Amino acid sequence: MQDNGWNDFEIGSLLRSFNGKAENIATTLQEDRNYSNSNSFTASVADWRIEKPVFNKDFCIDCQFCWVYCPDISIISRDKKMIGIDMDHCKGCGICVEVCPTNPKSLLMYGEHEDEESILAAWPSKDKEKK
C-alpha cells in the first residue's frame, strides 16, 4: 500500500484497517492488533480536544455503557471492567458522560489542561433524592 498522508488520498480510496488478514480481531486486544498506517488508531487526535473526560473509579459500576457508546473506541475495558480512557484517541465529545448512569457520574468533562488530582479531590458527592 502506498504511504499517503490524509490529504493525499483520492476520493473513493479503500483504506484498510489492518495489515494482512484480520483474524480473531474481536478477541485481540487493541494494542496487539496489526493496524495499517491509514487507520486512525495509529494517529493521535488529542491535539484538538478542548475538554476531556475524567474517570472516577470509586463511582463506576462497570455497566459498560461508556465503552459501548464511545464513537472512537477510547474507553479501555478489560474483562467487563472499565480501567481508563485512551487519551490519544479521545476527541472529547462527552458521550461517555451522557450515558453514564451513576450518581454522581463516574465520568465528567473538564477542561483539557485541568489537573486530574484536583478534579478527583473535588468530585461531586451523591445527590440526595428529593421527597
N, C-alpha and C. Protein backbone atom coordinates (compact mmCIF):
# COMPACT_ATOMS: atom_id res chain seq x y z
N MET A 1 0.85 -1.19 0.00
CA MET A 1 0.00 0.00 0.00
C MET A 1 0.89 1.24 0.00
N GLN A 2 0.52 2.20 -0.81
CA GLN A 2 1.26 3.45 -0.88
C GLN A 2 1.06 4.21 0.42
N ASP A 3 2.11 4.84 0.95
CA ASP A 3 2.05 5.54 2.23
C ASP A 3 1.71 7.01 1.99
N ASN A 4 0.41 7.33 1.96
CA ASN A 4 -0.05 8.69 1.72
C ASN A 4 -0.43 9.37 3.03
N GLY A 5 -0.37 10.69 3.04
CA GLY A 5 -0.93 11.46 4.14
C GLY A 5 -2.44 11.57 3.94
N TRP A 6 -3.13 12.00 4.98
CA TRP A 6 -4.59 12.06 4.89
C TRP A 6 -5.09 12.96 3.77
N ASN A 7 -4.36 13.99 3.43
CA ASN A 7 -4.80 14.90 2.38
C ASN A 7 -4.45 14.41 0.97
N ASP A 8 -3.73 13.29 0.87
CA ASP A 8 -3.29 12.79 -0.43
C ASP A 8 -4.16 11.68 -1.00
N PHE A 9 -5.14 11.20 -0.24
CA PHE A 9 -5.99 10.12 -0.73
C PHE A 9 -6.97 10.63 -1.77
N GLU A 10 -7.22 9.81 -2.77
CA GLU A 10 -8.22 10.12 -3.79
C GLU A 10 -9.61 9.83 -3.25
N ILE A 11 -10.60 10.54 -3.72
CA ILE A 11 -11.98 10.27 -3.32
C ILE A 11 -12.33 8.84 -3.70
N GLY A 12 -12.90 8.10 -2.79
CA GLY A 12 -13.28 6.72 -3.04
C GLY A 12 -12.17 5.72 -2.77
N SER A 13 -11.06 6.17 -2.21
CA SER A 13 -9.96 5.25 -1.90
C SER A 13 -10.40 4.24 -0.85
N LEU A 14 -9.88 3.04 -0.97
CA LEU A 14 -10.13 2.00 0.01
C LEU A 14 -9.01 2.06 1.04
N LEU A 15 -9.38 2.33 2.28
CA LEU A 15 -8.40 2.39 3.36
C LEU A 15 -8.62 1.19 4.25
N ARG A 16 -7.68 0.30 4.24
CA ARG A 16 -7.80 -0.91 5.05
C ARG A 16 -7.44 -0.60 6.50
N SER A 17 -8.21 -1.22 7.40
CA SER A 17 -7.97 -1.00 8.82
C SER A 17 -6.76 -1.76 9.34
N PHE A 18 -6.50 -2.93 8.75
CA PHE A 18 -5.43 -3.78 9.26
C PHE A 18 -4.50 -4.20 8.13
N ASN A 19 -3.26 -4.45 8.48
CA ASN A 19 -2.30 -5.03 7.55
C ASN A 19 -2.51 -6.54 7.54
N GLY A 20 -2.60 -7.13 6.37
CA GLY A 20 -2.79 -8.57 6.27
C GLY A 20 -4.21 -8.98 6.64
N LYS A 21 -4.38 -10.25 6.98
CA LYS A 21 -5.69 -10.78 7.34
C LYS A 21 -6.10 -10.28 8.72
N ALA A 22 -7.37 -10.01 8.86
CA ALA A 22 -7.91 -9.55 10.15
C ALA A 22 -8.63 -10.72 10.80
N GLU A 23 -7.86 -11.62 11.39
CA GLU A 23 -8.45 -12.79 12.03
C GLU A 23 -8.47 -12.60 13.54
N ASN A 24 -9.54 -13.06 14.18
CA ASN A 24 -9.69 -13.02 15.63
C ASN A 24 -9.57 -11.60 16.20
N ILE A 25 -10.03 -10.61 15.45
CA ILE A 25 -9.92 -9.22 15.89
C ILE A 25 -10.72 -8.99 17.17
N ALA A 26 -11.89 -9.60 17.29
CA ALA A 26 -12.73 -9.38 18.46
C ALA A 26 -12.08 -9.88 19.75
N THR A 27 -11.23 -10.85 19.64
CA THR A 27 -10.58 -11.40 20.84
C THR A 27 -9.15 -10.91 21.02
N THR A 28 -8.68 -10.04 20.12
CA THR A 28 -7.33 -9.50 20.20
C THR A 28 -7.39 -8.10 20.83
N LEU A 29 -6.56 -7.86 21.83
CA LEU A 29 -6.52 -6.54 22.47
C LEU A 29 -6.14 -5.49 21.44
N GLN A 30 -6.67 -4.27 21.61
CA GLN A 30 -6.40 -3.20 20.65
C GLN A 30 -4.92 -2.98 20.40
N GLU A 31 -4.14 -2.96 21.46
CA GLU A 31 -2.72 -2.67 21.30
C GLU A 31 -1.95 -3.79 20.62
N ASP A 32 -2.55 -4.97 20.50
CA ASP A 32 -1.90 -6.10 19.84
C ASP A 32 -2.35 -6.30 18.39
N ARG A 33 -3.27 -5.49 17.92
CA ARG A 33 -3.76 -5.63 16.54
C ARG A 33 -2.76 -5.03 15.55
N ASN A 34 -2.75 -5.56 14.34
CA ASN A 34 -1.84 -5.10 13.30
C ASN A 34 -2.52 -4.02 12.45
N TYR A 35 -2.63 -2.82 13.02
CA TYR A 35 -3.30 -1.72 12.33
C TYR A 35 -2.47 -1.22 11.15
N SER A 36 -3.15 -0.80 10.09
CA SER A 36 -2.45 -0.22 8.94
C SER A 36 -2.15 1.25 9.23
N ASN A 37 -1.28 1.84 8.43
CA ASN A 37 -0.93 3.25 8.60
C ASN A 37 -2.08 4.19 8.31
N SER A 38 -3.09 3.71 7.58
CA SER A 38 -4.23 4.57 7.26
C SER A 38 -5.32 4.50 8.33
N ASN A 39 -5.12 3.72 9.38
CA ASN A 39 -6.10 3.57 10.44
C ASN A 39 -5.90 4.69 11.46
N SER A 40 -6.98 5.27 11.92
CA SER A 40 -6.87 6.37 12.88
C SER A 40 -6.33 5.91 14.23
N PHE A 41 -6.30 4.60 14.48
CA PHE A 41 -5.75 4.12 15.75
C PHE A 41 -4.25 4.40 15.85
N THR A 42 -3.59 4.53 14.72
CA THR A 42 -2.15 4.77 14.73
C THR A 42 -1.80 6.25 14.86
N ALA A 43 -2.78 7.14 14.86
CA ALA A 43 -2.51 8.58 14.94
C ALA A 43 -3.24 9.19 16.13
N SER A 44 -2.59 10.09 16.80
CA SER A 44 -3.22 10.78 17.93
C SER A 44 -4.10 11.91 17.41
N VAL A 45 -5.28 12.04 17.97
CA VAL A 45 -6.19 13.13 17.60
C VAL A 45 -6.43 14.04 18.80
N ALA A 46 -5.66 13.84 19.85
CA ALA A 46 -5.87 14.58 21.10
C ALA A 46 -5.45 16.04 21.01
N ASP A 47 -4.71 16.41 19.99
CA ASP A 47 -4.21 17.78 19.89
C ASP A 47 -5.31 18.83 19.83
N TRP A 48 -6.45 18.49 19.26
CA TRP A 48 -7.50 19.50 19.10
C TRP A 48 -8.63 19.36 20.12
N ARG A 49 -8.49 18.49 21.10
CA ARG A 49 -9.51 18.32 22.14
C ARG A 49 -9.42 19.50 23.11
N ILE A 50 -10.57 20.10 23.48
CA ILE A 50 -10.57 21.20 24.45
C ILE A 50 -11.16 20.78 25.80
N GLU A 51 -11.93 19.69 25.79
CA GLU A 51 -12.44 19.11 27.03
C GLU A 51 -12.10 17.63 27.04
N LYS A 52 -11.89 17.11 28.24
CA LYS A 52 -11.54 15.70 28.37
C LYS A 52 -12.43 15.05 29.42
N PRO A 53 -12.75 13.77 29.25
CA PRO A 53 -13.47 13.06 30.31
C PRO A 53 -12.48 12.65 31.39
N VAL A 54 -12.89 12.80 32.62
CA VAL A 54 -12.09 12.33 33.75
C VAL A 54 -12.88 11.19 34.39
N PHE A 55 -12.20 10.09 34.70
CA PHE A 55 -12.82 8.89 35.22
C PHE A 55 -12.55 8.75 36.71
N ASN A 56 -13.63 8.56 37.48
CA ASN A 56 -13.50 8.31 38.91
C ASN A 56 -13.97 6.89 39.18
N LYS A 57 -13.02 5.98 39.39
CA LYS A 57 -13.34 4.57 39.54
C LYS A 57 -14.16 4.27 40.79
N ASP A 58 -14.18 5.20 41.77
CA ASP A 58 -14.94 4.97 43.00
C ASP A 58 -16.45 4.94 42.78
N PHE A 59 -16.91 5.52 41.68
CA PHE A 59 -18.35 5.57 41.40
C PHE A 59 -18.77 4.66 40.25
N CYS A 60 -17.81 4.05 39.57
CA CYS A 60 -18.10 3.23 38.40
C CYS A 60 -18.73 1.90 38.81
N ILE A 61 -19.80 1.52 38.11
CA ILE A 61 -20.47 0.24 38.36
C ILE A 61 -20.18 -0.76 37.23
N ASP A 62 -19.27 -0.43 36.36
CA ASP A 62 -18.88 -1.29 35.23
C ASP A 62 -20.06 -1.72 34.37
N CYS A 63 -20.94 -0.78 34.08
CA CYS A 63 -22.10 -1.08 33.23
C CYS A 63 -21.71 -1.22 31.76
N GLN A 64 -20.56 -0.65 31.39
CA GLN A 64 -20.01 -0.69 30.03
C GLN A 64 -20.75 0.21 29.04
N PHE A 65 -21.66 1.07 29.51
CA PHE A 65 -22.36 1.99 28.60
C PHE A 65 -21.35 2.89 27.89
N CYS A 66 -20.38 3.42 28.63
CA CYS A 66 -19.39 4.32 28.02
C CYS A 66 -18.61 3.59 26.92
N TRP A 67 -18.25 2.35 27.18
CA TRP A 67 -17.50 1.55 26.21
C TRP A 67 -18.33 1.28 24.96
N VAL A 68 -19.60 0.96 25.14
CA VAL A 68 -20.49 0.66 24.01
C VAL A 68 -20.73 1.89 23.14
N TYR A 69 -20.95 3.05 23.76
CA TYR A 69 -21.35 4.24 23.02
C TYR A 69 -20.21 5.12 22.53
N CYS A 70 -19.00 4.91 23.01
CA CYS A 70 -17.87 5.74 22.58
C CYS A 70 -17.64 5.58 21.08
N PRO A 71 -17.74 6.67 20.31
CA PRO A 71 -17.56 6.55 18.86
C PRO A 71 -16.11 6.35 18.43
N ASP A 72 -15.17 6.54 19.34
CA ASP A 72 -13.76 6.45 19.00
C ASP A 72 -13.04 5.27 19.65
N ILE A 73 -13.78 4.40 20.28
CA ILE A 73 -13.21 3.23 20.98
C ILE A 73 -12.11 3.69 21.95
N SER A 74 -12.39 4.77 22.67
CA SER A 74 -11.40 5.34 23.58
C SER A 74 -11.54 4.85 25.01
N ILE A 75 -12.60 4.12 25.31
CA ILE A 75 -12.77 3.57 26.65
C ILE A 75 -12.01 2.24 26.70
N ILE A 76 -11.13 2.12 27.68
CA ILE A 76 -10.33 0.91 27.82
C ILE A 76 -11.02 0.01 28.85
N SER A 77 -11.43 -1.16 28.40
CA SER A 77 -12.15 -2.11 29.24
C SER A 77 -11.49 -3.47 29.13
N ARG A 78 -11.32 -4.12 30.27
CA ARG A 78 -10.77 -5.47 30.31
C ARG A 78 -11.66 -6.32 31.20
N ASP A 79 -12.06 -7.46 30.70
CA ASP A 79 -12.90 -8.38 31.47
C ASP A 79 -14.15 -7.68 32.02
N LYS A 80 -14.77 -6.87 31.18
CA LYS A 80 -16.01 -6.15 31.51
C LYS A 80 -15.84 -5.18 32.68
N LYS A 81 -14.65 -4.63 32.82
CA LYS A 81 -14.38 -3.62 33.83
C LYS A 81 -13.66 -2.46 33.15
N MET A 82 -14.16 -1.26 33.39
CA MET A 82 -13.51 -0.08 32.82
C MET A 82 -12.22 0.18 33.59
N ILE A 83 -11.13 0.37 32.84
CA ILE A 83 -9.86 0.63 33.51
C ILE A 83 -9.27 1.99 33.15
N GLY A 84 -9.85 2.69 32.19
CA GLY A 84 -9.35 4.01 31.85
C GLY A 84 -9.81 4.50 30.50
N ILE A 85 -9.17 5.58 30.07
CA ILE A 85 -9.53 6.25 28.82
C ILE A 85 -8.27 6.41 27.98
N ASP A 86 -8.36 6.07 26.71
CA ASP A 86 -7.27 6.24 25.77
C ASP A 86 -7.28 7.71 25.31
N MET A 87 -6.47 8.53 25.96
CA MET A 87 -6.48 9.97 25.68
C MET A 87 -5.83 10.34 24.35
N ASP A 88 -5.12 9.41 23.71
CA ASP A 88 -4.57 9.69 22.39
C ASP A 88 -5.65 9.70 21.32
N HIS A 89 -6.76 8.99 21.57
CA HIS A 89 -7.81 8.87 20.56
C HIS A 89 -9.13 9.50 20.98
N CYS A 90 -9.26 9.88 22.23
CA CYS A 90 -10.48 10.55 22.69
C CYS A 90 -10.55 11.95 22.10
N LYS A 91 -11.69 12.27 21.51
CA LYS A 91 -11.87 13.59 20.90
C LYS A 91 -12.61 14.55 21.82
N GLY A 92 -13.05 14.07 22.99
CA GLY A 92 -13.71 14.95 23.95
C GLY A 92 -15.16 15.23 23.63
N CYS A 93 -15.86 14.29 23.01
CA CYS A 93 -17.25 14.51 22.60
C CYS A 93 -18.21 14.51 23.79
N GLY A 94 -17.88 13.79 24.87
CA GLY A 94 -18.72 13.77 26.06
C GLY A 94 -19.83 12.74 26.06
N ILE A 95 -19.90 11.90 25.05
CA ILE A 95 -20.95 10.88 25.00
C ILE A 95 -20.84 9.93 26.19
N CYS A 96 -19.61 9.59 26.58
CA CYS A 96 -19.41 8.69 27.72
C CYS A 96 -20.03 9.26 28.98
N VAL A 97 -19.93 10.56 29.17
CA VAL A 97 -20.51 11.22 30.35
C VAL A 97 -22.03 11.20 30.27
N GLU A 98 -22.56 11.44 29.09
CA GLU A 98 -24.02 11.47 28.92
C GLU A 98 -24.66 10.12 29.21
N VAL A 99 -24.01 9.03 28.86
CA VAL A 99 -24.62 7.70 29.05
C VAL A 99 -24.31 7.08 30.41
N CYS A 100 -23.44 7.70 31.18
CA CYS A 100 -23.07 7.16 32.50
C CYS A 100 -24.27 7.26 33.45
N PRO A 101 -24.73 6.13 34.02
CA PRO A 101 -25.94 6.14 34.84
C PRO A 101 -25.72 6.37 36.34
N THR A 102 -24.46 6.47 36.78
CA THR A 102 -24.22 6.53 38.22
C THR A 102 -24.53 7.90 38.81
N ASN A 103 -24.69 7.95 40.12
CA ASN A 103 -24.99 9.19 40.84
C ASN A 103 -24.04 9.29 42.02
N PRO A 104 -23.03 10.17 41.95
CA PRO A 104 -22.68 11.03 40.83
C PRO A 104 -22.06 10.21 39.70
N LYS A 105 -21.95 10.84 38.56
CA LYS A 105 -21.40 10.14 37.40
C LYS A 105 -19.95 9.77 37.67
N SER A 106 -19.54 8.64 37.10
CA SER A 106 -18.15 8.22 37.25
C SER A 106 -17.26 8.85 36.18
N LEU A 107 -17.87 9.53 35.22
CA LEU A 107 -17.14 10.27 34.19
C LEU A 107 -17.72 11.68 34.13
N LEU A 108 -16.86 12.67 34.14
CA LEU A 108 -17.28 14.07 33.98
C LEU A 108 -16.32 14.77 33.05
N MET A 109 -16.80 15.78 32.35
CA MET A 109 -15.98 16.54 31.41
C MET A 109 -15.35 17.74 32.12
N TYR A 110 -14.06 17.95 31.83
CA TYR A 110 -13.32 19.08 32.38
C TYR A 110 -12.44 19.65 31.28
N GLY A 111 -11.93 20.85 31.51
CA GLY A 111 -11.03 21.48 30.56
C GLY A 111 -9.79 20.64 30.35
N GLU A 112 -9.28 20.67 29.14
CA GLU A 112 -8.15 19.82 28.76
C GLU A 112 -6.94 19.97 29.68
N HIS A 113 -6.69 21.16 30.17
CA HIS A 113 -5.47 21.40 30.95
C HIS A 113 -5.69 21.40 32.45
N GLU A 114 -6.88 21.03 32.90
CA GLU A 114 -7.13 20.98 34.34
C GLU A 114 -6.42 19.77 34.95
N ASP A 115 -5.97 19.93 36.19
CA ASP A 115 -5.22 18.90 36.89
C ASP A 115 -6.15 17.80 37.39
N GLU A 116 -5.84 16.56 37.01
CA GLU A 116 -6.71 15.43 37.33
C GLU A 116 -6.79 15.16 38.84
N GLU A 117 -5.71 15.32 39.56
CA GLU A 117 -5.74 15.10 41.01
C GLU A 117 -6.68 16.09 41.69
N SER A 118 -6.64 17.34 41.29
CA SER A 118 -7.54 18.36 41.86
C SER A 118 -8.99 18.06 41.52
N ILE A 119 -9.21 17.62 40.29
CA ILE A 119 -10.56 17.28 39.85
C ILE A 119 -11.12 16.15 40.70
N LEU A 120 -10.35 15.08 40.88
CA LEU A 120 -10.81 13.93 41.67
C LEU A 120 -11.04 14.31 43.13
N ALA A 121 -10.22 15.20 43.67
CA ALA A 121 -10.37 15.62 45.06
C ALA A 121 -11.66 16.42 45.27
N ALA A 122 -12.11 17.11 44.23
CA ALA A 122 -13.32 17.94 44.33
C ALA A 122 -14.53 17.29 43.64
N TRP A 123 -14.51 15.97 43.47
CA TRP A 123 -15.58 15.27 42.76
C TRP A 123 -16.92 15.49 43.48
N PRO A 124 -18.00 15.68 42.73
CA PRO A 124 -19.31 15.89 43.37
C PRO A 124 -19.70 14.71 44.24
N SER A 125 -20.48 15.00 45.28
CA SER A 125 -20.96 13.91 46.14
C SER A 125 -22.33 13.45 45.64
N LYS A 126 -22.80 12.36 46.20
CA LYS A 126 -24.06 11.79 45.77
C LYS A 126 -25.22 12.75 46.02
N ASP A 127 -26.08 12.92 44.99
CA ASP A 127 -27.26 13.77 45.13
C ASP A 127 -28.27 13.07 46.03
N LYS A 128 -28.82 13.81 46.95
CA LYS A 128 -29.86 13.26 47.81
C LYS A 128 -31.19 13.27 47.04
N GLU A 129 -31.95 12.19 47.17
CA GLU A 129 -33.26 12.14 46.49
C GLU A 129 -34.23 13.08 47.19
N LYS A 130 -34.98 13.83 46.40
CA LYS A 130 -35.98 14.75 46.95
C LYS A 130 -37.25 13.99 47.27
N LYS A 131 -37.81 14.27 48.43
CA LYS A 131 -39.06 13.60 48.83
C LYS A 131 -40.23 14.53 48.71
